[in-house]
């Protein structure tokens, strides 16, 4: 299996699982299949801060587990 691409701020991702690895409580499973944009990283190695596309409130972001995000292709840079 290939290693996932390193995410950077501004990357587009698709949510493929809940926001945590371990079960219990609300896991954000209702967001599976949604698209989001990476807006930052926490100081810990795993959580990634994302902004969901369908979230109306622009100030609301989530810390999501990297294993449950799939990177979408980046746009080619103009020459």
PDB file of N, CA and C in Angstrom:
ATOM      1  N   UNK A   1       0.840  -1.178   0.000  1.00  0.00           N
ATOM      2  CA  UNK A   1       0.000   0.000   0.000  1.00  0.00           C
ATOM      3  C   UNK A   1       0.884   1.241   0.000  1.00  0.00           C
ATOM      4  N   UNK A   2       0.502   2.231  -0.773  1.00  0.00           N
ATOM      5  CA  UNK A   2       1.301   3.447  -0.853  1.00  0.00           C
ATOM      6  C   UNK A   2       1.011   4.358   0.328  1.00  0.00           C
ATOM      7  N   UNK A   3       2.006   5.127   0.688  1.00  0.00           N
ATOM      8  CA  UNK A   3       1.866   6.072   1.788  1.00  0.00           C
ATOM      9  C   UNK A   3       1.048   7.271   1.307  1.00  0.00           C
ATOM     10  N   UNK A   4       0.112   7.770   2.141  1.00  0.00           N
ATOM     11  CA  UNK A   4      -0.679   8.927   1.710  1.00  0.00           C
ATOM     12  C   UNK A   4       0.188  10.158   1.496  1.00  0.00           C
ATOM     13  N   UNK A   5      -0.205  10.980   0.540  1.00  0.00           N
ATOM     14  CA  UNK A   5       0.518  12.210   0.254  1.00  0.00           C
ATOM     15  C   UNK A   5       0.433  13.149   1.453  1.00  0.00           C
ATOM     16  N   UNK A   6       1.500  13.884   1.699  1.00  0.00           N
ATOM     17  CA  UNK A   6       1.502  14.855   2.786  1.00  0.00           C
ATOM     18  C   UNK A   6       0.562  16.002   2.422  1.00  0.00           C
ATOM     19  N   UNK A   7      -0.314  16.333   3.350  1.00  0.00           N
ATOM     20  CA  UNK A   7      -1.265  17.414   3.107  1.00  0.00           C
ATOM     21  C   UNK A   7      -0.655  18.752   3.481  1.00  0.00           C
ATOM     22  N   UNK A   8      -1.022  19.773   2.734  1.00  0.00           N
ATOM     23  CA  UNK A   8      -0.594  21.139   3.028  1.00  0.00           C
ATOM     24  C   UNK A   8      -1.843  22.019   3.078  1.00  0.00           C
ATOM     25  N   UNK A   9      -1.693  23.192   3.657  1.00  0.00           N
ATOM     26  CA  UNK A   9      -2.804  24.128   3.776  1.00  0.00           C
ATOM     27  C   UNK A   9      -3.353  24.453   2.387  1.00  0.00           C
ATOM     28  N   UNK A  10      -4.665  24.379   2.238  1.00  0.00           N
ATOM     29  CA  UNK A  10      -5.306  24.653   0.960  1.00  0.00           C
ATOM     30  C   UNK A  10      -5.648  23.408   0.157  1.00  0.00           C
ATOM     31  N   UNK A  11      -5.123  22.239   0.532  1.00  0.00           N
ATOM     32  CA  UNK A  11      -5.440  20.996  -0.177  1.00  0.00           C
ATOM     33  C   UNK A  11      -6.913  20.646  -0.015  1.00  0.00           C
ATOM     34  N   UNK A  12      -7.467  20.019  -1.045  1.00  0.00           N
ATOM     35  CA  UNK A  12      -8.843  19.530  -0.993  1.00  0.00           C
ATOM     36  C   UNK A  12      -8.812  18.077  -0.570  1.00  0.00           C
ATOM     37  N   UNK A  13      -9.750  17.682   0.295  1.00  0.00           N
ATOM     38  CA  UNK A  13      -9.821  16.312   0.791  1.00  0.00           C
ATOM     39  C   UNK A  13     -11.266  15.828   0.780  1.00  0.00           C
ATOM     40  N   UNK A  14     -11.409  14.505   0.815  1.00  0.00           N
ATOM     41  CA  UNK A  14     -12.721  13.881   0.970  1.00  0.00           C
ATOM     42  C   UNK A  14     -12.702  13.132   2.293  1.00  0.00           C
ATOM     43  N   UNK A  15     -13.761  13.282   3.076  1.00  0.00           N
ATOM     44  CA  UNK A  15     -13.861  12.616   4.373  1.00  0.00           C
ATOM     45  C   UNK A  15     -14.254  11.164   4.138  1.00  0.00           C
ATOM     46  N   UNK A  16     -13.433  10.219   4.641  1.00  0.00           N
ATOM     47  CA  UNK A  16     -13.698   8.799   4.440  1.00  0.00           C
ATOM     48  C   UNK A  16     -14.013   8.073   5.736  1.00  0.00           C
ATOM     49  N   UNK A  17     -14.017   8.788   6.860  1.00  0.00           N
ATOM     50  CA  UNK A  17     -14.320   8.176   8.150  1.00  0.00           C
ATOM     51  C   UNK A  17     -14.535   9.247   9.199  1.00  0.00           C
ATOM     52  N   UNK A  18     -14.844   8.818  10.407  1.00  0.00           N
ATOM     53  CA  UNK A  18     -15.071   9.748  11.507  1.00  0.00           C
ATOM     54  C   UNK A  18     -13.821  10.522  11.869  1.00  0.00           C
ATOM     55  N   UNK A  19     -13.969  11.496  12.784  1.00  0.00           N
ATOM     56  CA  UNK A  19     -12.815  12.355  13.073  1.00  0.00           C
ATOM     57  C   UNK A  19     -11.808  11.730  14.005  1.00  0.00           C
ATOM     58  N   UNK A  20     -12.114  10.593  14.597  1.00  0.00           N
ATOM     59  CA  UNK A  20     -11.151   9.908  15.454  1.00  0.00           C
ATOM     60  C   UNK A  20     -10.981   8.463  15.026  1.00  0.00           C
ATOM     61  N   UNK A  21      -9.912   7.830  15.502  1.00  0.00           N
ATOM     62  CA  UNK A  21      -9.675   6.426  15.179  1.00  0.00           C
ATOM     63  C   UNK A  21     -10.479   5.527  16.105  1.00  0.00           C
ATOM     64  N   UNK A  22     -10.523   5.866  17.396  1.00  0.00           N
ATOM     65  CA  UNK A  22     -11.216   5.044  18.379  1.00  0.00           C
ATOM     66  C   UNK A  22     -12.694   5.404  18.411  1.00  0.00           C
ATOM     67  N   UNK A  23     -13.529   4.407  18.720  1.00  0.00           N
ATOM     68  CA  UNK A  23     -14.970   4.615  18.776  1.00  0.00           C
ATOM     69  C   UNK A  23     -15.411   5.317  20.044  1.00  0.00           C
ATOM     70  N   UNK A  24     -16.693   5.636  20.106  1.00  0.00           N
ATOM     71  CA  UNK A  24     -17.275   6.262  21.292  1.00  0.00           C
ATOM     72  C   UNK A  24     -17.779   7.652  21.009  1.00  0.00           C
ATOM     73  N   UNK A  25     -19.007   7.917  21.423  1.00  0.00           N
ATOM     74  CA  UNK A  25     -19.558   9.259  21.254  1.00  0.00           C
ATOM     75  C   UNK A  25     -19.851   9.587  19.802  1.00  0.00           C
ATOM     76  N   UNK A  26     -20.020  10.856  19.533  1.00  0.00           N
ATOM     77  CA  UNK A  26     -20.276  11.317  18.169  1.00  0.00           C
ATOM     78  C   UNK A  26     -18.961  11.314  17.399  1.00  0.00           C
ATOM     79  N   UNK A  27     -18.916  10.596  16.313  1.00  0.00           N
ATOM     80  CA  UNK A  27     -17.667  10.437  15.562  1.00  0.00           C
ATOM     81  C   UNK A  27     -17.621  11.250  14.278  1.00  0.00           C
ATOM     82  N   UNK A  28     -18.666  11.984  13.982  1.00  0.00           N
ATOM     83  CA  UNK A  28     -18.680  12.726  12.731  1.00  0.00           C
ATOM     84  C   UNK A  28     -18.955  11.848  11.532  1.00  0.00           C
ATOM     85  N   UNK A  29     -19.567  10.674  11.762  1.00  0.00           N
ATOM     86  CA  UNK A  29     -19.823   9.748  10.664  1.00  0.00           C
ATOM     87  C   UNK A  29     -20.821  10.303   9.654  1.00  0.00           C
ATOM     88  N   UNK A  30     -21.635  11.276  10.056  1.00  0.00           N
ATOM     89  CA  UNK A  30     -22.594  11.871   9.122  1.00  0.00           C
ATOM     90  C   UNK A  30     -21.893  12.757   8.095  1.00  0.00           C
ATOM     91  N   UNK A  31     -20.593  13.017   8.275  1.00  0.00           N
ATOM     92  CA  UNK A  31     -19.831  13.813   7.309  1.00  0.00           C
ATOM     93  C   UNK A  31     -19.072  12.946   6.298  1.00  0.00           C
ATOM     94  N   UNK A  32     -19.151  11.619   6.426  1.00  0.00           N
ATOM     95  CA  UNK A  32     -18.454  10.739   5.485  1.00  0.00           C
ATOM     96  C   UNK A  32     -18.982  10.998   4.072  1.00  0.00           C
ATOM     97  N   UNK A  33     -18.069  11.184   3.136  1.00  0.00           N
ATOM     98  CA  UNK A  33     -18.421  11.473   1.753  1.00  0.00           C
ATOM     99  C   UNK A  33     -18.415  12.958   1.425  1.00  0.00           C
ATOM    100  N   UNK A  34     -18.294  13.808   2.444  1.00  0.00           N
ATOM    101  CA  UNK A  34     -18.257  15.259   2.223  1.00  0.00           C
ATOM    102  C   UNK A  34     -16.862  15.691   1.775  1.00  0.00           C
ATOM    103  N   UNK A  35     -16.800  16.842   1.146  1.00  0.00           N
ATOM    104  CA  UNK A  35     -15.533  17.417   0.722  1.00  0.00           C
ATOM    105  C   UNK A  35     -15.171  18.563   1.647  1.00  0.00           C
ATOM    106  N   UNK A  36     -13.869  18.799   1.799  1.00  0.00           N
ATOM    107  CA  UNK A  36     -13.395  19.833   2.716  1.00  0.00           C
ATOM    108  C   UNK A  36     -12.081  20.407   2.209  1.00  0.00           C
ATOM    109  N   UNK A  37     -11.650  21.486   2.851  1.00  0.00           N
ATOM    110  CA  UNK A  37     -10.382  22.138   2.554  1.00  0.00           C
ATOM    111  C   UNK A  37      -9.537  22.148   3.814  1.00  0.00           C
ATOM    112  N   UNK A  38      -8.252  21.815   3.683  1.00  0.00           N
ATOM    113  CA  UNK A  38      -7.335  21.856   4.821  1.00  0.00           C
ATOM    114  C   UNK A  38      -7.037  23.319   5.136  1.00  0.00           C
ATOM    115  N   UNK A  39      -7.256  23.714   6.402  1.00  0.00           N
ATOM    116  CA  UNK A  39      -7.008  25.104   6.791  1.00  0.00           C
ATOM    117  C   UNK A  39      -5.864  25.236   7.787  1.00  0.00           C
ATOM    118  N   UNK A  40      -5.352  24.123   8.300  1.00  0.00           N
ATOM    119  CA  UNK A  40      -4.234  24.210   9.230  1.00  0.00           C
ATOM    120  C   UNK A  40      -3.939  22.878   9.885  1.00  0.00           C
ATOM    121  N   UNK A  41      -2.977  22.914  10.777  1.00  0.00           N
ATOM    122  CA  UNK A  41      -2.539  21.721  11.485  1.00  0.00           C
ATOM    123  C   UNK A  41      -2.392  22.057  12.959  1.00  0.00           C
ATOM    124  N   UNK A  42      -2.625  21.059  13.810  1.00  0.00           N
ATOM    125  CA  UNK A  42      -2.383  21.264  15.230  1.00  0.00           C
ATOM    126  C   UNK A  42      -0.926  20.936  15.517  1.00  0.00           C
ATOM    127  N   UNK A  43      -0.481  21.169  16.732  1.00  0.00           N
ATOM    128  CA  UNK A  43       0.910  20.886  17.068  1.00  0.00           C
ATOM    129  C   UNK A  43       1.173  19.396  17.161  1.00  0.00           C
ATOM    130  N   UNK A  44       0.130  18.602  17.418  1.00  0.00           N
ATOM    131  CA  UNK A  44       0.294  17.156  17.433  1.00  0.00           C
ATOM    132  C   UNK A  44       0.407  16.670  15.992  1.00  0.00           C
ATOM    133  N   UNK A  45       0.933  15.487  15.812  1.00  0.00           N
ATOM    134  CA  UNK A  45       1.201  15.009  14.456  1.00  0.00           C
ATOM    135  C   UNK A  45      -0.052  14.558  13.711  1.00  0.00           C
ATOM    136  N   UNK A  46      -1.089  14.109  14.416  1.00  0.00           N
ATOM    137  CA  UNK A  46      -2.192  13.506  13.688  1.00  0.00           C
ATOM    138  C   UNK A  46      -3.338  14.441  13.313  1.00  0.00           C
ATOM    139  N   UNK A  47      -3.945  15.211  14.215  1.00  0.00           N
ATOM    140  CA  UNK A  47      -5.127  15.976  13.802  1.00  0.00           C
ATOM    141  C   UNK A  47      -4.817  17.038  12.751  1.00  0.00           C
ATOM    142  N   UNK A  48      -5.712  17.146  11.798  1.00  0.00           N
ATOM    143  CA  UNK A  48      -5.608  18.141  10.737  1.00  0.00           C
ATOM    144  C   UNK A  48      -6.874  18.984  10.800  1.00  0.00           C
ATOM    145  N   UNK A  49      -6.741  20.293  10.728  1.00  0.00           N
ATOM    146  CA  UNK A  49      -7.895  21.182  10.804  1.00  0.00           C
ATOM    147  C   UNK A  49      -8.470  21.370   9.409  1.00  0.00           C
ATOM    148  N   UNK A  50      -9.770  21.044   9.264  1.00  0.00           N
ATOM    149  CA  UNK A  50     -10.424  21.151   7.965  1.00  0.00           C
ATOM    150  C   UNK A  50     -11.679  22.013   8.069  1.00  0.00           C
ATOM    151  N   UNK A  51     -12.088  22.571   6.939  1.00  0.00           N
ATOM    152  CA  UNK A  51     -13.330  23.334   6.814  1.00  0.00           C
ATOM    153  C   UNK A  51     -14.199  22.592   5.817  1.00  0.00           C
ATOM    154  N   UNK A  52     -15.354  22.094   6.270  1.00  0.00           N
ATOM    155  CA  UNK A  52     -16.264  21.367   5.392  1.00  0.00           C
ATOM    156  C   UNK A  52     -16.916  22.319   4.398  1.00  0.00           C
ATOM    157  N   UNK A  53     -17.065  21.876   3.147  1.00  0.00           N
ATOM    158  CA  UNK A  53     -17.646  22.716   2.097  1.00  0.00           C
ATOM    159  C   UNK A  53     -19.094  23.087   2.386  1.00  0.00           C
ATOM    160  N   UNK A  54     -19.865  22.141   2.914  1.00  0.00           N
ATOM    161  CA  UNK A  54     -21.286  22.406   3.096  1.00  0.00           C
ATOM    162  C   UNK A  54     -21.607  23.071   4.422  1.00  0.00           C
ATOM    163  N   UNK A  55     -20.602  23.422   5.194  1.00  0.00           N
ATOM    164  CA  UNK A  55     -20.815  24.112   6.462  1.00  0.00           C
ATOM    165  C   UNK A  55     -21.048  25.593   6.177  1.00  0.00           C
ATOM    166  N   UNK A  56     -22.175  26.112   6.600  1.00  0.00           N
ATOM    167  CA  UNK A  56     -22.536  27.500   6.298  1.00  0.00           C
ATOM    168  C   UNK A  56     -21.706  28.487   7.109  1.00  0.00           C
ATOM    169  N   UNK A  57     -21.463  28.180   8.377  1.00  0.00           N
ATOM    170  CA  UNK A  57     -20.711  29.082   9.253  1.00  0.00           C
ATOM    171  C   UNK A  57     -19.228  28.986   8.907  1.00  0.00           C
ATOM    172  N   UNK A  58     -18.661  30.032   8.343  1.00  0.00           N
ATOM    173  CA  UNK A  58     -17.277  29.991   7.865  1.00  0.00           C
ATOM    174  C   UNK A  58     -16.254  29.890   8.984  1.00  0.00           C
ATOM    175  N   UNK A  59     -16.649  30.164  10.221  1.00  0.00           N
ATOM    176  CA  UNK A  59     -15.682  30.116  11.317  1.00  0.00           C
ATOM    177  C   UNK A  59     -15.624  28.738  11.970  1.00  0.00           C
ATOM    178  N   UNK A  60     -16.445  27.795  11.541  1.00  0.00           N
ATOM    179  CA  UNK A  60     -16.524  26.488  12.184  1.00  0.00           C
ATOM    180  C   UNK A  60     -15.622  25.489  11.471  1.00  0.00           C
ATOM    181  N   UNK A  61     -14.630  24.984  12.178  1.00  0.00           N
ATOM    182  CA  UNK A  61     -13.689  24.016  11.607  1.00  0.00           C
ATOM    183  C   UNK A  61     -13.613  22.795  12.515  1.00  0.00           C
ATOM    184  N   UNK A  62     -13.066  21.701  11.990  1.00  0.00           N
ATOM    185  CA  UNK A  62     -12.935  20.457  12.727  1.00  0.00           C
ATOM    186  C   UNK A  62     -11.484  20.000  12.736  1.00  0.00           C
ATOM    187  N   UNK A  63     -11.076  19.343  13.828  1.00  0.00           N
ATOM    188  CA  UNK A  63      -9.796  18.639  13.861  1.00  0.00           C
ATOM    189  C   UNK A  63     -10.100  17.197  13.481  1.00  0.00           C
ATOM    190  N   UNK A  64      -9.512  16.740  12.377  1.00  0.00           N
ATOM    191  CA  UNK A  64      -9.839  15.428  11.826  1.00  0.00           C
ATOM    192  C   UNK A  64      -8.602  14.543  11.800  1.00  0.00           C
ATOM    193  N   UNK A  65      -8.810  13.246  11.931  1.00  0.00           N
ATOM    194  CA  UNK A  65      -7.732  12.255  11.885  1.00  0.00           C
ATOM    195  C   UNK A  65      -7.249  12.096  10.436  1.00  0.00           C
ATOM    196  N   UNK A  66      -5.943  12.122  10.205  1.00  0.00           N
ATOM    197  CA  UNK A  66      -5.374  12.031   8.850  1.00  0.00           C
ATOM    198  C   UNK A  66      -5.782  10.743   8.143  1.00  0.00           C
ATOM    199  N   UNK A  67      -5.886   9.647   8.900  1.00  0.00           N
ATOM    200  CA  UNK A  67      -6.222   8.364   8.292  1.00  0.00           C
ATOM    201  C   UNK A  67      -7.618   8.350   7.674  1.00  0.00           C
ATOM    202  N   UNK A  68      -8.474   9.272   8.072  1.00  0.00           N
ATOM    203  CA  UNK A  68      -9.843   9.307   7.572  1.00  0.00           C
ATOM    204  C   UNK A  68     -10.082  10.436   6.569  1.00  0.00           C
ATOM    205  N   UNK A  69      -9.004  10.929   5.972  1.00  0.00           N
ATOM    206  CA  UNK A  69      -9.106  11.941   4.921  1.00  0.00           C
ATOM    207  C   UNK A  69      -8.376  11.438   3.680  1.00  0.00           C
ATOM    208  N   UNK A  70      -9.003  11.567   2.516  1.00  0.00           N
ATOM    209  CA  UNK A  70      -8.344  11.177   1.269  1.00  0.00           C
ATOM    210  C   UNK A  70      -8.037  12.440   0.476  1.00  0.00           C
ATOM    211  N   UNK A  71      -6.777  12.612   0.130  1.00  0.00           N
ATOM    212  CA  UNK A  71      -6.356  13.797  -0.625  1.00  0.00           C
ATOM    213  C   UNK A  71      -6.893  13.723  -2.048  1.00  0.00           C
ATOM    214  N   UNK A  72      -7.404  14.841  -2.531  1.00  0.00           N
ATOM    215  CA  UNK A  72      -7.857  14.944  -3.914  1.00  0.00           C
ATOM    216  C   UNK A  72      -6.719  15.512  -4.759  1.00  0.00           C
ATOM    217  N   UNK A  73      -6.733  15.270  -6.065  1.00  0.00           N
ATOM    218  CA  UNK A  73      -5.644  15.773  -6.913  1.00  0.00           C
ATOM    219  C   UNK A  73      -5.506  17.289  -6.815  1.00  0.00           C
ATOM    220  N   UNK A  74      -4.264  17.737  -6.812  1.00  0.00           N
ATOM    221  CA  UNK A  74      -3.996  19.178  -6.791  1.00  0.00           C
ATOM    222  C   UNK A  74      -4.129  19.731  -8.200  1.00  0.00           C
ATOM    223  N   UNK A  75      -4.500  20.998  -8.283  1.00  0.00           N
ATOM    224  CA  UNK A  75      -4.592  21.654  -9.585  1.00  0.00           C
ATOM    225  C   UNK A  75      -3.189  21.947 -10.089  1.00  0.00           C
ATOM    226  N   UNK A  76      -2.999  21.807 -11.384  1.00  0.00           N
ATOM    227  CA  UNK A  76      -1.698  22.107 -11.982  1.00  0.00           C
ATOM    228  C   UNK A  76      -1.457  23.609 -11.934  1.00  0.00           C
ATOM    229  N   UNK A  77      -0.221  23.985 -11.657  1.00  0.00           N
ATOM    230  CA  UNK A  77       0.128  25.405 -11.611  1.00  0.00           C
ATOM    231  C   UNK A  77       0.265  25.940 -13.029  1.00  0.00           C
ATOM    232  N   UNK A  78      -0.184  27.167 -13.230  1.00  0.00           N
ATOM    233  CA  UNK A  78      -0.077  27.805 -14.542  1.00  0.00           C
ATOM    234  C   UNK A  78       1.377  28.165 -14.822  1.00  0.00           C
ATOM    235  N   UNK A  79       1.766  28.042 -16.071  1.00  0.00           N
ATOM    236  CA  UNK A  79       3.150  28.357 -16.443  1.00  0.00           C
ATOM    237  C   UNK A  79       3.351  29.823 -16.654  1.00  0.00           C
TER     238      UNK A  79
END
